[in-house]
């Protein structure tokens, strides 16, 4: 029975528009977003296509999914101020002080909003994958998110611009994606499924050695859900498509054969990719589809001999068309699927370049062998040592007793000891900022978390604009709730990776510490903590020098008391 649709506040979705080719809108981030809107049948958002410059007339705009979706054309100058500081795509909630920016963040929000609007669409929520973490990790820390969100779309856009007068270079991102699809799949019920696959292979008369050879060779030919053994499709395809069609396979009433139960994990056959992340259709497939479609169109038209290099991508491209609603959504977005020729490769042929990526061992920097001491010694030999400036006012403190309760970190879910240390940290940061800030300044709290710094600054500096930037949605929502309780009107909230913030600012709070500089926790052995502190100081010294090269007068100061935080350095830069 259909769920009851919830009445939700309309939100505004802003998408870049650079050009249109064969019905598809570029940049590819925009095509991906429109495709997801169509796939989810989502009408919650009012959609704006944003043109560069001041022109708003597009006479050739075609094949934009408009059924139930209001789409307007605007210039960049017409964007709300908070969006003008962000890369698109971006979603804004009224009253224009909460923005989500960046492809992965926006797409995840569209999925969640579609489900909230109509809870009967459980298959939409499944796009977020196991534990709802698909593309949740930011591109700075997740190679997979970076590949899907940034590297592949940009590589394909650049590839489409080539003239092909010379033999083209296949984008490294495409080769990396092909390699990813060749890697064994890991899922939460991995062992159970691999044992089922072993049983299936035995029933088909495939021995362990032959099974491995079949697994190896399968990547070099086209495969659809109809392929596999003569009597049945592969286990992976059965599992994947049973979930898509919301049919569960009946549990086996009989005990598994002895050879299945007693098989060692190392002897079990690996699971093969059905979709980009593994067995199940997820948001990653949505992101990659418009990109790979355009890449394969060019390959088939101008470089058909190269298709043999991408058997797994070709198989994925054909398989994804079998997912319910994908064909319809693609057609509404101007994506006309192409038929790929059969690949006649053999198991002895290997796709080129797949093994060129250096292994993790090869990527290790030998200078880190034995920890940070060799590096620190070399720096000291070159006369590079840690230098601190004295704290200008170590006893200064906010009058916490007179501040509204929602300003204090004690309002958050933390122990009294931690809340005290957080207050001490804020004393240091607020003192430095308030001594630098001027009316009308824009202050950015990068990686703001729950907004402890930003909210205090917005309260004590009402003439300044404070911006909180944080990737974690729940942290930012908590911060907004506290801000609303205080009635603050000079604060913006942006859920995004830092690289998606492009706005100007006068003062920025930014804490990211590298590998050894992060080892300063109080529970660590004293000697290790001392080394961590020294590393942290060297990293901050490097940052200070970088700021000086860009016209700042910089000091590195320790917070008072130092016990208020293991990360107790402050870099204070003032424009010269």
Protein backbone atom coordinates (compact mmCIF):
# COMPACT_ATOMS: atom_id res chain seq x y z
CA UNK A 1 0.00 0.00 0.00
CA UNK A 2 1.36 3.41 -0.92
CA UNK A 3 2.73 5.45 1.96
CA UNK A 4 1.26 8.84 2.73
CA UNK A 5 3.36 11.63 1.24
CA UNK A 6 4.60 14.11 3.80
CA UNK A 7 4.23 17.83 3.26
CA UNK A 8 7.74 19.25 3.25
CA UNK A 9 9.11 22.75 2.88
CA UNK A 10 10.16 23.41 -0.69
CA UNK A 11 13.88 23.66 -1.20
CA UNK A 12 15.87 25.36 -3.97
CA UNK A 13 18.35 23.36 -6.04
CA UNK A 14 20.93 25.26 -8.06
CA UNK A 15 22.78 23.55 -10.94
CA UNK A 16 25.54 24.78 -13.23
CA UNK A 17 24.81 25.06 -16.94
CA UNK A 18 27.72 25.32 -19.38
CA UNK A 19 26.34 23.76 -22.57
CA UNK A 20 24.10 21.04 -23.96
CA UNK A 21 25.25 18.21 -26.20
CA UNK A 22 22.93 15.68 -27.80
CA UNK A 23 20.23 16.51 -25.28
CA UNK A 24 22.44 16.15 -22.19
CA UNK A 25 23.30 19.10 -20.00
CA UNK A 26 26.86 19.82 -18.96
CA UNK A 27 28.75 19.93 -16.66
CA UNK A 28 28.26 16.25 -15.89
CA UNK A 29 27.48 17.05 -12.23
CA UNK A 30 24.29 18.66 -13.50
CA UNK A 31 23.37 15.68 -15.69
CA UNK A 32 23.94 13.36 -12.74
CA UNK A 33 21.72 15.45 -10.45
CA UNK A 34 18.92 15.69 -12.99
CA UNK A 35 19.14 11.95 -13.61
CA UNK A 36 18.74 11.23 -9.89
CA UNK A 37 15.76 13.60 -9.64
CA UNK A 38 14.11 11.73 -12.51
CA UNK A 39 14.99 8.30 -11.12
CA UNK A 40 13.55 9.20 -7.70
CA UNK A 41 10.53 10.94 -9.28
CA UNK A 42 11.34 13.76 -6.88
CA UNK A 43 9.33 16.98 -7.11
CA UNK A 44 10.29 18.48 -3.76
CA UNK A 45 12.88 20.86 -5.21
CA UNK A 46 12.49 23.99 -7.27
CA UNK A 47 15.34 23.64 -9.77
CA UNK A 48 17.41 26.49 -11.16
CA UNK A 49 19.90 26.16 -14.00
CA UNK A 50 22.60 28.76 -13.45
CA UNK A 51 24.28 30.36 -16.44
CA UNK A 52 27.69 32.00 -16.32
CA UNK A 53 27.52 35.75 -16.71
CA UNK A 54 24.27 37.70 -16.96
CA UNK A 55 22.50 36.00 -19.88
CA UNK A 56 19.42 33.96 -19.01
CA UNK A 57 18.16 33.02 -22.47
CA UNK A 58 18.56 29.43 -23.69
CA UNK A 59 16.58 28.77 -26.82
CA UNK A 60 17.96 25.26 -27.41
CA UNK A 61 17.34 23.79 -23.97
CA UNK A 62 15.84 20.32 -24.52
CA UNK A 63 15.30 17.00 -22.78
CA UNK A 64 15.30 18.37 -19.25
CA UNK A 65 13.13 16.26 -16.91
CA UNK A 66 10.35 18.76 -16.25
CA UNK A 67 7.33 16.62 -15.37
CA UNK A 68 6.37 17.79 -11.88
CA UNK A 69 9.66 19.70 -11.53
CA UNK A 70 9.73 23.46 -11.88
CA UNK A 71 12.91 24.53 -13.70
CA UNK A 72 14.01 28.13 -14.10
CA UNK A 73 17.01 29.71 -15.79
CA UNK A 74 18.93 32.34 -13.81
CA UNK A 75 22.28 34.10 -13.96
CA UNK A 76 25.01 33.63 -11.39
CA UNK A 77 24.37 37.13 -10.09
CA UNK A 78 20.86 36.07 -9.06
CA UNK A 79 22.07 33.33 -6.72
CA UNK A 80 21.42 33.79 -2.99
CA UNK A 81 24.53 35.21 -1.27
CA UNK A 82 25.25 31.97 0.60
CA UNK A 83 25.26 30.00 -2.67
CA UNK A 84 27.57 32.52 -4.36
CA UNK A 85 30.24 31.36 -1.90
CA UNK A 86 29.89 27.69 -2.91
CA UNK A 87 30.54 25.40 -5.85
CA UNK A 88 27.41 24.02 -7.49
CA UNK A 89 25.34 21.89 -7.25
CA UNK A 90 23.87 23.37 -4.10
CA UNK A 91 20.58 23.10 -2.19
CA UNK A 92 19.26 25.90 0.00
CA UNK A 93 16.61 25.78 2.67
CA UNK A 94 14.65 28.91 3.42
CA UNK A 95 15.44 31.45 4.88
CA UNK A 96 18.63 31.08 2.80
CA UNK A 97 21.03 30.45 5.68
CA UNK A 98 21.49 26.66 5.40
CA UNK A 99 23.18 25.37 2.26
CA UNK A 100 24.34 21.94 1.12
CA UNK A 101 27.01 22.06 -1.57
CA UNK A 102 28.98 19.55 -3.62
CA UNK A 103 27.74 16.63 -5.69
CA UNK A 104 27.79 13.81 -3.12
CA UNK A 105 26.24 15.90 -0.33
CA UNK A 106 23.47 17.18 -2.63
CA UNK A 107 22.68 13.75 -4.09
CA UNK A 108 22.47 12.11 -0.67
CA UNK A 109 20.12 14.90 0.43
CA UNK A 110 17.88 14.38 -2.61
CA UNK A 111 17.59 10.68 -1.76
CA UNK A 112 16.78 11.35 1.88
CA UNK A 113 14.25 14.04 0.96
CA UNK A 114 12.58 11.78 -1.61
CA UNK A 115 12.16 9.07 1.01
CA UNK A 116 10.87 11.52 3.64
CA UNK A 117 8.30 12.75 1.13
CA UNK A 118 7.10 9.23 0.34
CA UNK A 119 8.27 6.54 2.82
CA UNK A 120 6.90 3.84 0.52
CA UNK A 121 9.96 4.42 -1.70
CA UNK A 122 12.21 2.16 0.32
CA UNK A 123 14.17 1.22 -2.80
CA UNK A 124 15.21 4.88 -3.09
CA UNK A 125 16.75 4.80 0.37
CA UNK A 126 18.62 1.62 -0.61
CA UNK A 127 20.71 3.77 -2.96
CA UNK A 128 22.64 4.89 0.11
CA UNK A 129 23.95 1.36 0.53
CA UNK A 130 24.88 -0.65 3.61
CA UNK A 131 24.57 1.47 6.77
CA UNK A 132 23.62 4.40 4.49
CA UNK A 133 27.28 5.31 3.91
CA UNK A 134 27.52 5.39 0.09
CA UNK A 135 29.66 8.42 -0.88
CA UNK A 136 29.26 9.78 2.66
CA UNK A 137 32.99 10.08 3.35
CA UNK A 138 34.33 13.31 1.88
CA UNK A 139 36.56 13.30 -1.18
CA UNK A 140 39.54 14.51 0.85
CA UNK A 141 39.69 11.23 2.79
CA UNK A 142 37.93 8.69 0.54
CA UNK A 143 39.59 7.70 -2.74
CA UNK A 144 36.33 6.11 -3.88
CA UNK A 145 34.27 9.25 -3.26
CA UNK A 146 36.91 11.32 -5.00
CA UNK A 147 36.93 8.97 -8.01
CA UNK A 148 33.14 9.06 -8.41
CA UNK A 149 32.48 12.67 -7.45
CA UNK A 150 35.45 14.48 -8.98
CA UNK A 151 37.99 12.46 -10.95
CA UNK A 152 35.76 10.50 -13.33
CA UNK A 153 33.38 13.38 -14.27
CA UNK A 154 36.25 15.79 -14.87
CA UNK A 155 38.26 13.20 -16.83
CA UNK A 156 35.31 12.41 -19.10
CA UNK A 157 34.54 16.10 -19.69
CA UNK A 158 38.16 16.69 -20.71
CA UNK A 159 38.14 13.56 -22.88
CA UNK A 160 35.05 14.81 -24.74
CA UNK A 161 36.89 18.04 -25.60
CA UNK A 162 39.69 16.22 -27.43
CA UNK A 163 39.80 16.46 -31.22
CA UNK A 164 41.21 12.91 -31.71
CA UNK A 165 43.48 14.10 -34.52
CA UNK A 166 46.18 12.32 -32.55
CA UNK A 167 45.80 8.92 -30.86
CA UNK A 168 43.99 9.83 -27.60
CA UNK A 169 45.15 9.03 -24.13
CA UNK A 170 42.52 7.09 -22.22
CA UNK A 171 41.86 8.93 -18.93
CA UNK A 172 43.64 7.39 -15.97
CA UNK A 173 40.37 7.65 -13.99
CA UNK A 174 38.64 5.30 -16.44
CA UNK A 175 41.48 2.78 -16.16
CA UNK A 176 41.27 3.04 -12.38
CA UNK A 177 37.52 2.42 -12.46
CA UNK A 178 37.99 -0.62 -14.71
CA UNK A 179 40.52 -1.95 -12.22
CA UNK A 180 38.14 -1.34 -9.31
CA UNK A 181 35.52 -3.48 -11.05
CA UNK A 182 38.02 -6.34 -11.27
CA UNK A 183 38.64 -6.42 -7.51
CA UNK A 184 36.84 -8.98 -5.32
CA UNK A 185 33.66 -7.73 -3.69
CA UNK A 186 33.37 -7.43 0.08
CA UNK A 187 29.91 -7.37 1.67
CA UNK A 188 28.64 -7.79 5.22
CA UNK A 189 27.47 -11.39 4.57
CA UNK A 190 30.54 -12.14 2.50
CA UNK A 191 31.32 -15.63 3.84
CA UNK A 192 27.75 -16.90 3.45
CA UNK A 193 27.48 -15.75 -0.17
CA UNK A 194 30.89 -17.13 -1.12
CA UNK A 195 29.87 -20.54 0.26
CA UNK A 196 26.66 -20.36 -1.78
CA UNK A 197 28.76 -19.57 -4.83
CA UNK A 198 31.00 -22.57 -4.12
CA UNK A 199 27.91 -24.79 -3.96
CA UNK A 200 26.62 -23.35 -7.24
CA UNK A 201 29.94 -23.95 -8.96
CA UNK A 202 30.09 -27.56 -7.72
CA UNK A 203 26.56 -28.16 -8.95
CA UNK A 204 27.61 -26.88 -12.36
CA UNK A 205 30.63 -29.19 -12.38
CA UNK A 206 33.16 -26.44 -11.98
CA UNK A 207 36.16 -27.47 -9.87
CA UNK A 208 38.12 -25.01 -7.72
CA UNK A 209 40.91 -24.42 -10.25
CA UNK A 210 38.50 -24.16 -13.16
CA UNK A 211 36.27 -21.84 -11.14
CA UNK A 212 39.17 -19.47 -10.60
CA UNK A 213 39.96 -19.52 -14.32
CA UNK A 214 36.32 -18.77 -15.18
CA UNK A 215 36.30 -15.91 -12.69
CA UNK A 216 39.47 -14.54 -14.26
CA UNK A 217 38.23 -14.79 -17.81
CA UNK A 218 34.72 -13.50 -17.14
CA UNK A 219 36.02 -9.97 -16.90
CA UNK A 220 37.10 -10.06 -20.56
CA UNK A 221 33.75 -10.68 -22.21
CA UNK A 222 30.30 -9.17 -22.16
CA UNK A 223 27.98 -10.45 -19.47
CA UNK A 224 24.31 -9.80 -18.79
CA UNK A 225 21.86 -11.30 -16.35
CA UNK A 226 21.03 -14.02 -18.85
CA UNK A 227 24.64 -15.26 -18.94
CA UNK A 228 26.42 -17.60 -16.56
CA UNK A 229 26.19 -21.33 -16.38
CA UNK A 230 23.86 -23.01 -18.84
CA UNK A 231 21.27 -23.66 -16.16
CA UNK A 232 21.35 -20.42 -14.18
CA UNK A 233 22.71 -16.91 -13.88
CA UNK A 234 25.63 -16.19 -11.55
CA UNK A 235 24.99 -16.03 -7.82
CA UNK A 236 25.96 -12.36 -7.74
CA UNK A 237 23.36 -11.46 -10.35
CA UNK A 238 20.66 -13.43 -8.54
CA UNK A 239 21.42 -11.66 -5.26
CA UNK A 240 21.62 -8.22 -6.88
CA UNK A 241 18.45 -8.44 -8.93
CA UNK A 242 16.43 -10.17 -6.22
CA UNK A 243 17.01 -7.08 -4.11
CA UNK A 244 16.08 -4.73 -6.94
CA UNK A 245 12.81 -6.54 -7.58
CA UNK A 246 12.15 -6.82 -3.84
CA UNK A 247 11.96 -10.61 -3.98
CA UNK A 248 13.85 -12.56 -1.37
CA UNK A 249 15.30 -15.91 -2.28
CA UNK A 250 13.80 -18.62 -0.04
CA UNK A 251 16.16 -19.82 2.63
CA UNK A 252 17.45 -23.32 2.10
CA UNK A 253 15.78 -25.76 4.48
CA UNK A 254 18.52 -28.36 4.03
CA UNK A 255 21.87 -28.27 5.74
CA UNK A 256 24.70 -27.23 3.45
CA UNK A 257 26.90 -30.07 2.16
CA UNK A 258 30.00 -30.88 4.14
CA UNK A 259 32.39 -29.54 1.49
CA UNK A 260 30.62 -26.17 1.72
CA UNK A 261 30.54 -25.99 5.52
CA UNK A 262 34.15 -27.12 6.00
CA UNK A 263 35.73 -25.12 3.19
CA UNK A 264 38.42 -22.70 4.33
CA UNK A 265 37.76 -19.02 3.70
CA UNK A 266 40.90 -18.88 1.54
CA UNK A 267 39.45 -21.60 -0.72
CA UNK A 268 36.11 -19.91 -1.28
CA UNK A 269 35.56 -18.27 -4.68
CA UNK A 270 35.61 -14.44 -4.66
CA UNK A 271 32.46 -12.47 -5.34
CA UNK A 272 32.42 -10.48 -8.57
CA UNK A 273 31.07 -6.99 -9.14
CA UNK A 274 27.53 -6.64 -10.41
CA UNK A 275 27.42 -2.88 -9.87
CA UNK A 276 30.04 -0.24 -9.12
CA UNK A 277 30.35 -0.79 -5.37
CA UNK A 278 29.72 -4.51 -5.43
CA UNK A 279 26.53 -6.54 -5.61
CA UNK A 280 23.96 -3.82 -5.17
CA UNK A 281 22.78 -0.82 -7.19
CA UNK A 282 23.74 2.34 -5.29
CA UNK A 283 24.23 6.07 -5.63
CA UNK A 284 27.70 5.41 -7.05
CA UNK A 285 26.07 3.80 -10.12
CA UNK A 286 23.81 6.84 -10.52
CA UNK A 287 26.84 9.15 -10.48
CA UNK A 288 28.86 7.10 -12.93
CA UNK A 289 26.11 6.38 -15.47
CA UNK A 290 26.01 9.72 -17.37
CA UNK A 291 29.83 9.89 -17.27
CA UNK A 292 30.48 6.39 -18.60
CA UNK A 293 27.65 6.72 -21.14
CA UNK A 294 29.29 9.72 -22.78
CA UNK A 295 32.71 8.08 -22.64
CA UNK A 296 31.45 4.90 -24.33
CA UNK A 297 29.57 6.89 -26.99
CA UNK A 298 32.86 8.46 -28.11
CA UNK A 299 34.72 5.15 -27.87
CA UNK A 300 32.16 3.39 -30.08
CA UNK A 301 31.98 6.21 -32.63
CA UNK A 302 35.63 7.12 -33.02
CA UNK A 303 37.77 4.56 -31.21
CA UNK A 304 35.90 1.26 -31.42
CA UNK A 305 39.14 -0.69 -31.24
CA UNK A 306 39.67 0.63 -27.71
CA UNK A 307 36.45 -0.89 -26.37
CA UNK A 308 38.24 -4.17 -25.70
CA UNK A 309 40.20 -2.38 -22.96
CA UNK A 310 37.06 -1.86 -20.87
CA UNK A 311 35.19 -5.17 -20.71
CA UNK A 312 34.04 -4.70 -17.13
CA UNK A 313 32.79 -1.16 -17.71
CA UNK A 314 30.99 -2.33 -20.85
CA UNK A 315 29.36 -5.18 -18.94
CA UNK A 316 28.37 -2.79 -16.14
CA UNK A 317 26.92 -0.33 -18.70
CA UNK A 318 24.68 -3.01 -20.22
CA UNK A 319 23.68 -4.44 -16.85
CA UNK A 320 22.68 -1.12 -15.36
CA UNK A 321 20.09 -0.67 -18.10
CA UNK A 322 18.17 -3.63 -16.63
CA UNK A 323 17.60 -1.83 -13.33
CA UNK A 324 13.93 -0.79 -13.00
CA UNK A 325 13.27 2.87 -13.97
CA UNK A 326 16.81 3.48 -15.24
CA UNK A 327 15.74 3.40 -18.90
CA UNK A 328 12.86 5.83 -18.25
CA UNK A 329 14.96 8.22 -16.19
CA UNK A 330 17.75 8.17 -18.75
CA UNK A 331 15.36 8.90 -21.60
CA UNK A 332 13.88 11.88 -19.73
CA UNK A 333 17.41 13.25 -19.27
CA UNK A 334 18.44 12.90 -22.90
CA UNK A 335 20.56 9.77 -22.39
CA UNK A 336 19.92 7.37 -25.27
CA UNK A 337 21.61 4.09 -24.43
CA UNK A 338 23.78 2.57 -27.16
CA UNK A 339 24.22 -1.10 -28.02
CA UNK A 340 27.78 -2.26 -27.54
CA UNK A 341 29.36 -4.81 -29.88
CA UNK A 342 30.24 -8.21 -28.42
CA UNK A 343 33.80 -8.37 -27.16
CA UNK A 344 35.75 -11.32 -28.52
CA UNK A 345 38.61 -11.31 -26.04
CA UNK A 346 40.05 -14.39 -24.42
CA UNK A 347 41.20 -15.15 -20.91
CA UNK A 348 44.83 -14.82 -21.95
CA UNK A 349 44.33 -11.19 -22.94
CA UNK A 350 44.70 -8.65 -20.18
CA UNK A 351 43.32 -5.13 -20.39
CA UNK A 352 46.29 -2.76 -20.62
CA UNK A 353 47.42 -0.43 -17.86
CA UNK A 354 45.37 -2.07 -15.10
CA UNK A 355 48.42 -3.02 -13.06
CA UNK A 356 50.33 0.24 -13.47
CA UNK A 357 48.96 1.85 -10.31
CA UNK A 358 51.59 1.57 -7.57
CA UNK A 359 50.83 -0.72 -4.68
CA UNK A 360 50.41 0.56 -1.16
CA UNK A 361 53.93 -0.66 -0.35
CA UNK A 362 55.37 1.23 -3.32
CA UNK A 363 53.57 4.39 -2.25
CA UNK A 364 55.07 4.38 1.24
CA UNK A 365 57.53 7.21 1.75
CA UNK A 366 60.85 5.70 2.91
CA UNK A 367 61.55 8.87 4.90
CA UNK A 368 58.86 7.78 7.38
CA UNK A 369 60.57 4.47 8.18
CA UNK A 370 61.28 4.43 11.93
CA UNK A 371 58.81 7.21 12.67
CA UNK A 372 59.29 10.98 12.51
CA UNK A 373 62.72 11.22 14.17
CA UNK A 374 64.82 11.05 10.94
CA UNK A 375 62.76 13.83 9.40
CA UNK A 376 62.92 15.96 12.56
CA UNK A 377 66.69 15.45 12.75
CA UNK A 378 67.17 16.59 9.15
CA UNK A 379 65.09 19.71 9.81
CA UNK A 380 67.13 20.57 12.91
CA UNK A 381 70.38 20.08 10.96
CA UNK A 382 69.08 22.68 8.49
CA UNK A 383 68.32 25.11 11.30
CA UNK A 384 64.55 24.64 11.16
CA UNK A 385 63.25 24.61 14.73
CA UNK A 386 59.95 25.28 16.43
CA UNK A 387 59.34 28.86 17.50
CA UNK A 388 56.45 30.06 19.63
CA UNK A 389 55.17 33.53 20.30
CA UNK A 390 54.06 34.31 23.85
CA UNK A 391 50.33 34.27 24.50
CA UNK A 392 49.26 37.96 24.64
CA UNK A 393 46.68 37.46 27.39
CA UNK A 394 46.76 33.95 28.92
CA UNK A 395 44.20 34.70 31.64
CA UNK A 396 41.51 36.28 29.43
CA UNK A 397 38.13 34.55 29.55
CA UNK A 398 34.60 35.06 28.35
CA UNK A 399 32.09 35.75 31.11
CA UNK A 400 30.33 32.44 30.60
CA UNK A 401 27.88 33.01 33.45
CA UNK A 402 26.32 36.00 31.72
CA UNK A 403 26.08 34.40 28.26
CA UNK A 404 22.86 32.68 27.09
CA UNK A 405 22.82 28.96 27.85
CA UNK A 406 22.75 27.99 24.15
CA UNK A 407 26.13 29.71 23.64
CA UNK A 408 27.90 27.45 26.09
CA UNK A 409 29.33 24.09 25.01
CA UNK A 410 27.75 22.70 28.18
CA UNK A 411 24.52 22.65 26.20
CA UNK A 412 26.00 19.91 24.01
CA UNK A 413 26.15 16.24 24.88
CA UNK A 414 29.52 16.17 26.65
CA UNK A 415 30.89 15.59 30.13
CA UNK A 416 31.48 18.53 32.47
CA UNK A 417 35.27 18.07 32.25
CA UNK A 418 35.18 18.13 28.44
CA UNK A 419 32.82 21.12 28.47
CA UNK A 420 35.30 23.00 30.69
CA UNK A 421 38.18 22.22 28.33
CA UNK A 422 36.02 23.31 25.38
CA UNK A 423 35.31 26.63 27.15
CA UNK A 424 39.06 27.10 27.66
CA UNK A 425 39.70 26.46 23.97
CA UNK A 426 36.99 28.96 23.04
CA UNK A 427 38.51 31.58 25.36
CA UNK A 428 41.72 31.41 23.33
CA UNK A 429 40.08 31.42 19.92
CA UNK A 430 37.51 34.11 20.71
CA UNK A 431 40.17 36.40 22.18
CA UNK A 432 42.29 36.20 19.04
CA UNK A 433 39.38 36.65 16.65
CA UNK A 434 37.70 39.50 18.51
CA UNK A 435 40.99 41.39 18.55
CA UNK A 436 41.28 41.06 14.75
CA UNK A 437 37.67 41.35 13.59
CA UNK A 438 36.19 44.55 12.23
CA UNK A 439 32.50 45.33 11.58
CA UNK A 440 31.42 43.76 8.31
CA UNK A 441 34.11 41.07 8.34
CA UNK A 442 33.30 37.56 7.20
CA UNK A 443 34.53 34.86 9.60
CA UNK A 444 34.67 31.20 8.54
CA UNK A 445 34.78 28.26 10.97
CA UNK A 446 36.15 25.44 8.80
CA UNK A 447 35.31 21.90 9.96
CA UNK A 448 32.98 23.51 12.48
CA UNK A 449 31.53 20.32 13.96
CA UNK A 450 28.66 21.29 16.26
CA UNK A 451 29.47 24.99 15.88
CA UNK A 452 30.95 25.73 19.30
CA UNK A 453 33.40 28.32 17.93
CA UNK A 454 31.14 29.82 15.28
CA UNK A 455 28.11 30.26 17.51
CA UNK A 456 30.09 32.07 20.21
CA UNK A 457 31.67 34.34 17.59
CA UNK A 458 28.30 35.09 15.97
CA UNK A 459 26.91 36.03 19.37
CA UNK A 460 29.77 38.25 20.52
CA UNK A 461 30.38 39.80 17.06
CA UNK A 462 26.88 40.65 15.77
CA UNK A 463 28.29 43.04 13.15
CA UNK A 464 30.28 40.22 11.47
CA UNK A 465 29.02 37.44 9.18
CA UNK A 466 29.98 34.00 10.53
CA UNK A 467 29.99 30.92 8.29
CA UNK A 468 30.09 27.35 9.59
CA UNK A 469 31.39 24.76 7.11
CA UNK A 470 31.04 21.08 8.05
CA UNK A 471 30.67 17.83 6.11
CA UNK A 472 28.67 16.01 8.80
CA UNK A 473 24.99 16.87 8.39
CA UNK A 474 23.84 16.02 11.94
CA UNK A 475 26.55 18.20 13.52
CA UNK A 476 25.48 21.15 11.40
CA UNK A 477 21.79 20.59 12.13
CA UNK A 478 22.57 20.65 15.88
CA UNK A 479 24.49 23.88 15.40
CA UNK A 480 21.59 25.46 13.52
CA UNK A 481 19.17 24.46 16.26
CA UNK A 482 21.33 26.23 18.87
CA UNK A 483 21.64 29.26 16.59
CA UNK A 484 17.86 29.41 16.13
CA UNK A 485 17.38 29.32 19.92
CA UNK A 486 19.69 32.33 20.18
CA UNK A 487 17.93 34.16 17.34
CA UNK A 488 21.22 34.75 15.51
CA UNK A 489 20.79 36.41 12.12
CA UNK A 490 24.46 36.76 11.17
CA UNK A 491 25.30 33.09 10.71
CA UNK A 492 25.32 30.73 7.69
CA UNK A 493 25.53 26.95 7.68
CA UNK A 494 27.15 25.13 4.76
CA UNK A 495 27.27 21.34 4.59
CA UNK A 496 30.11 20.69 2.17
CA UNK A 497 33.69 19.60 1.76
CA UNK A 498 36.03 22.53 2.31
CA UNK A 499 37.09 22.62 -1.33
CA UNK A 500 33.51 23.44 -2.34
CA UNK A 501 33.63 26.72 -0.44
CA UNK A 502 34.90 29.44 -2.79
CA UNK A 503 33.90 32.59 -0.93
CA UNK A 504 36.14 35.32 0.38
CA UNK A 505 36.71 35.68 4.11
CA UNK A 506 38.66 37.84 6.53
CA UNK A 507 39.30 35.40 9.35
CA UNK A 508 39.34 31.60 9.17
CA UNK A 509 39.54 28.91 11.86
CA UNK A 510 40.99 25.83 10.28
CA UNK A 511 42.38 22.76 12.09
CA UNK A 512 43.72 19.81 10.08
CA UNK A 513 46.74 17.94 11.44
CA UNK A 514 48.93 15.50 9.55
CA UNK A 515 50.06 12.00 10.40
CA UNK A 516 52.49 12.44 13.32
CA UNK A 517 51.19 15.81 14.41
CA UNK A 518 47.95 14.09 15.33
CA UNK A 519 49.59 11.99 18.06
CA UNK A 520 49.26 14.35 21.05
CA UNK A 521 46.43 12.71 23.01
CA UNK A 522 46.86 12.70 26.79
CA UNK A 523 46.53 8.92 27.01
CA UNK A 524 49.65 8.38 24.90
CA UNK A 525 53.04 7.73 26.56
CA UNK A 526 54.75 11.03 27.54
CA UNK A 527 57.68 10.63 25.14
CA UNK A 528 55.41 9.84 22.20
CA UNK A 529 53.16 12.76 23.09
CA UNK A 530 56.19 15.10 23.23
CA UNK A 531 57.27 13.98 19.75
CA UNK A 532 53.72 14.50 18.53
CA UNK A 533 53.72 18.01 19.94
CA UNK A 534 57.03 18.77 18.21
CA UNK A 535 55.66 17.43 14.92
CA UNK A 536 52.52 19.48 15.31
CA UNK A 537 54.62 22.58 15.87
CA UNK A 538 56.70 21.90 12.76
CA UNK A 539 53.55 21.43 10.69
CA UNK A 540 52.12 24.67 12.05
CA UNK A 541 55.42 26.43 11.41
CA UNK A 542 55.17 25.34 7.77
CA UNK A 543 51.65 26.69 7.60
CA UNK A 544 52.78 29.95 9.15
CA UNK A 545 55.49 30.33 6.50
CA UNK A 546 52.95 29.62 3.75
CA UNK A 547 50.69 32.34 5.15
CA UNK A 548 53.62 34.78 5.34
CA UNK A 549 54.33 34.14 1.66
CA UNK A 550 50.78 35.30 0.94
CA UNK A 551 51.11 38.60 2.77
CA UNK A 552 50.28 37.77 6.38
CA UNK A 553 52.10 38.51 9.60
CA UNK A 554 51.88 35.20 11.49
CA UNK A 555 52.36 33.94 15.02
CA UNK A 556 52.13 30.38 16.36
CA UNK A 557 50.79 30.46 19.91
CA UNK A 558 49.89 27.74 22.38
CA UNK A 559 46.47 27.92 24.03
CA UNK A 560 46.26 28.60 27.75
CA UNK A 561 46.10 26.41 29.67
CA UNK A 562 47.80 23.87 27.39
CA UNK A 563 45.75 21.12 29.05
CA UNK A 564 42.55 22.47 27.46
CA UNK A 565 43.26 20.44 24.31
CA UNK A 566 45.87 18.03 22.91
CA UNK A 567 45.68 20.16 19.75
CA UNK A 568 46.56 23.38 21.53
CA UNK A 569 48.31 25.43 18.86
CA UNK A 570 46.80 28.51 17.27
CA UNK A 571 48.04 30.08 14.05
CA UNK A 572 47.19 33.77 14.10
CA UNK A 573 47.66 35.60 10.81
CA UNK A 574 47.03 39.29 10.16
CA UNK A 575 47.13 40.81 6.63
CA UNK A 576 50.13 43.11 6.29
